[in-house]
Amino acid sequence: MQEKGISLIALTITAIVLIILAGAIAVGSDILKKSFVQSLATDMLLIQTKVKIINERVKFNGDTSILIGEKLKDNPNKENIAGNALTSAEMESDSLYIYDRETLDSIGLEGIKLDNGEVYIVDYDTGEIIWPDGVSNEEGVRLYKLSEIIEGSLINE
């Protein structure tokens, strides 16, 4: 008489394969997150470089009208744009400007990925670049500024 069903060996092999697949998916998602954060930081560094060039021109010419972007404090939707990245007091700064797709294109940064509705905020006083969506570190803390992302070692892990 022949028994029907799955053998213990087949069941064990199936369980091992599922464990390996689960591990591969976990590692793969971690690699994808690190890749995204590295790409984001690279984009932010490119913007920061352009901001430094613009700041040098302002210092040389004394003409602040060459600052690129829209002042954050002048935008009626500033709370939604900045999200949790900035406090209400910070949003009133004269040095914070919004960089949208059009602004990035106008300064030669067409290659920077920016989905619809996404923006960067630049601080011309400090050279800081802010991404209002933020990224979470391993402790679940949201990081918004380029300096936080670099110091939080999200790109060096």
Protein backbone atom coordinates (compact mmCIF):
# COMPACT_ATOMS: atom_id res chain seq x y z
CA MET A 1 0.00 0.00 0.00
CA GLN A 2 1.39 3.38 -1.02
CA GLU A 3 0.91 6.45 1.21
CA LYS A 4 -0.13 9.73 -0.40
CA GLY A 5 1.10 13.09 0.84
CA ILE A 6 4.25 15.13 1.28
CA SER A 7 7.37 13.54 2.70
CA LEU A 8 9.30 14.97 5.61
CA ILE A 9 12.27 15.58 3.32
CA ALA A 10 10.20 17.57 0.81
CA LEU A 11 8.67 19.59 3.64
CA THR A 12 12.12 20.36 5.10
CA ILE A 13 13.50 21.43 1.72
CA THR A 14 10.49 23.68 1.14
CA ALA A 15 10.95 25.32 4.55
CA ILE A 16 14.67 25.91 3.88
CA VAL A 17 13.96 27.47 0.49
CA LEU A 18 11.32 29.78 2.03
CA ILE A 19 13.75 30.87 4.76
CA ILE A 20 16.44 31.62 2.18
CA LEU A 21 13.97 33.63 0.08
CA ALA A 22 12.79 35.62 3.11
CA GLY A 23 16.40 36.45 4.00
CA ALA A 24 17.18 37.51 0.45
CA ILE A 25 14.14 39.80 0.37
CA ALA A 26 15.12 41.41 3.69
CA VAL A 27 18.69 42.02 2.52
CA GLY A 28 17.48 43.26 -0.86
CA SER A 29 15.13 45.84 0.66
CA ASP A 30 17.94 47.10 2.92
CA ILE A 31 20.21 47.47 -0.10
CA LEU A 32 17.48 49.35 -1.99
CA LYS A 33 16.97 51.76 0.92
CA LYS A 34 20.71 52.44 1.20
CA SER A 35 20.90 52.99 -2.55
CA PHE A 36 18.00 55.46 -2.42
CA VAL A 37 19.57 57.38 0.48
CA GLN A 38 22.95 57.51 -1.27
CA SER A 39 21.31 58.81 -4.44
CA LEU A 40 19.35 61.40 -2.43
CA ALA A 41 22.50 62.56 -0.63
CA THR A 42 24.37 62.85 -3.94
CA ASP A 43 21.56 64.97 -5.39
CA MET A 44 21.57 67.16 -2.27
CA LEU A 45 25.36 67.60 -2.53
CA LEU A 46 25.00 68.69 -6.16
CA ILE A 47 22.40 71.27 -5.15
CA GLN A 48 24.60 72.41 -2.28
CA THR A 49 27.47 72.98 -4.70
CA LYS A 50 25.26 75.15 -6.92
CA VAL A 51 24.03 77.08 -3.86
CA LYS A 52 27.65 77.79 -2.87
CA ILE A 53 28.38 79.10 -6.37
CA ILE A 54 25.33 81.36 -6.24
CA ASN A 55 26.34 82.58 -2.76
CA GLU A 56 29.82 83.44 -4.03
CA ARG A 57 28.28 85.47 -6.85
CA VAL A 58 26.09 87.32 -4.33
CA LYS A 59 29.13 88.07 -2.15
CA PHE A 60 31.10 89.29 -5.18
CA ASN A 61 28.32 91.42 -6.70
CA GLY A 62 26.39 92.29 -3.55
CA ASP A 63 23.23 91.56 -5.51
CA THR A 64 20.75 89.27 -3.72
CA SER A 65 18.38 89.37 -6.68
CA ILE A 66 20.41 86.57 -8.27
CA LEU A 67 19.23 84.11 -5.60
CA ILE A 68 17.38 81.32 -7.37
CA GLY A 69 14.01 79.85 -6.34
CA GLU A 70 10.96 81.11 -4.49
CA LYS A 71 11.22 82.35 -0.92
CA LEU A 72 9.60 79.78 1.33
CA LYS A 73 8.16 82.41 3.66
CA ASP A 74 6.34 84.09 0.74
CA ASN A 75 4.57 80.88 -0.29
CA PRO A 76 1.05 80.62 1.18
CA ASN A 77 1.42 76.83 1.25
CA LYS A 78 4.74 76.86 3.16
CA GLU A 79 3.53 74.58 6.00
CA ASN A 80 2.59 71.84 3.53
CA ILE A 81 5.79 72.31 1.55
CA ALA A 82 8.11 72.16 4.57
CA GLY A 83 6.14 69.46 6.37
CA ASN A 84 7.89 68.41 9.57
CA ALA A 85 11.32 69.41 8.31
CA LEU A 86 11.13 72.95 9.68
CA THR A 87 9.53 74.73 12.61
CA SER A 88 7.12 77.63 12.07
CA ALA A 89 9.84 80.07 13.13
CA GLU A 90 12.35 78.56 10.69
CA MET A 91 9.83 78.88 7.85
CA GLU A 92 9.90 82.66 8.30
CA SER A 93 13.59 82.92 7.45
CA ASP A 94 14.54 85.16 4.52
CA SER A 95 17.28 82.72 3.53
CA LEU A 96 15.08 79.67 2.76
CA TYR A 97 14.15 79.11 -0.88
CA ILE A 98 12.15 76.41 -2.65
CA TYR A 99 13.83 74.46 -5.43
CA ASP A 100 11.29 72.72 -7.65
CA ARG A 101 11.83 70.90 -10.95
CA GLU A 102 11.85 74.15 -12.94
CA THR A 103 14.41 75.76 -10.63
CA LEU A 104 16.72 72.74 -10.78
CA ASP A 105 16.50 72.69 -14.57
CA SER A 106 17.31 76.42 -14.74
CA ILE A 107 20.62 75.91 -12.92
CA GLY A 108 21.68 72.90 -14.97
CA LEU A 109 20.59 70.14 -12.59
CA GLU A 110 18.21 68.35 -14.96
CA GLY A 111 19.52 64.95 -13.87
CA ILE A 112 18.29 65.24 -10.30
CA LYS A 113 15.28 63.03 -9.69
CA LEU A 114 12.27 64.91 -8.39
CA ASP A 115 8.75 63.48 -8.54
CA ASN A 116 5.66 65.63 -9.02
CA GLY A 117 5.08 67.91 -6.07
CA GLU A 118 8.45 67.18 -4.47
CA VAL A 119 10.83 70.03 -3.73
CA TYR A 120 14.08 70.76 -2.00
CA ILE A 121 14.50 73.68 0.35
CA VAL A 122 17.83 75.48 0.38
CA ASP A 123 19.19 77.78 3.05
CA TYR A 124 21.36 80.39 1.38
CA ASP A 125 22.79 81.50 4.76
CA THR A 126 24.09 78.10 5.84
CA GLY A 127 24.24 76.22 2.54
CA GLU A 128 22.04 73.51 4.09
CA ILE A 129 19.83 71.46 1.78
CA ILE A 130 16.54 70.13 3.14
CA TRP A 131 14.37 67.38 1.72
CA PRO A 132 10.92 67.82 3.29
CA ASP A 133 9.96 64.15 2.84
CA GLY A 134 12.90 63.04 4.97
CA VAL A 135 14.37 59.57 5.42
CA SER A 136 14.25 57.36 8.51
CA ASN A 137 17.38 56.13 10.23
CA GLU A 138 17.62 52.73 11.96
CA GLU A 139 16.00 54.11 15.12
CA GLY A 140 13.04 55.40 13.08
CA VAL A 141 14.01 59.06 13.50
CA ARG A 142 13.22 61.16 10.43
CA LEU A 143 16.18 63.08 8.98
CA TYR A 144 15.55 66.00 6.65
CA LYS A 145 18.78 67.95 6.26
CA LEU A 146 21.80 66.87 4.25
CA SER A 147 24.04 67.34 7.28
CA GLU A 148 21.77 65.06 9.36
CA ILE A 149 21.77 62.36 6.69
CA ILE A 150 25.56 62.44 6.46
CA GLU A 151 26.13 62.65 10.24
CA GLY A 152 23.50 59.95 10.83
CA SER A 153 25.79 57.74 8.72
CA LEU A 154 22.86 56.67 6.55
CA ILE A 155 25.10 56.85 3.51
CA ASN A 156 28.20 55.26 5.02
CA GLU A 157 26.74 52.03 6.42
